[in-house]
Amino acid sequence: MASAIRNLYLDRSPASAKNYARACELMPGGTSRQASFWAPYPLTIKRGEGAYFWDVDGHRYLDLINNYTAMVHGHAYPPIVEAARIQIGDGTGWAA
């Protein structure tokens, strides 16, 4: 059973596998966040909205972890996105 689940994961996530292989060339272990590493490689997440996120292979997932409960508002919560847009519009770095 475990090998069937692993094979399904491998079949469904070729873009994540490719991204992980590239990441391994650039940083130790191929990830900057060991807590989110799942063997044989982590999914590469493309975007999130509300309680869902999508991987680079186009699959939608219900995010039950929510950045380990730090994102109780969900992904791309419109008031937060708008507040960030306003701040970014004012500039992103000053040496003053």
Foldseek 3Di string as FASTA:
>chain_A
DVVVVVVVVCVQAVVQVVQQVVLVVPDPPSDPDVVQADPPGHFAWDFWDFQWTAGPSGDIDGNPCCVVPPRVRTGPNPVVVVVVVVVVVVPDDDPD
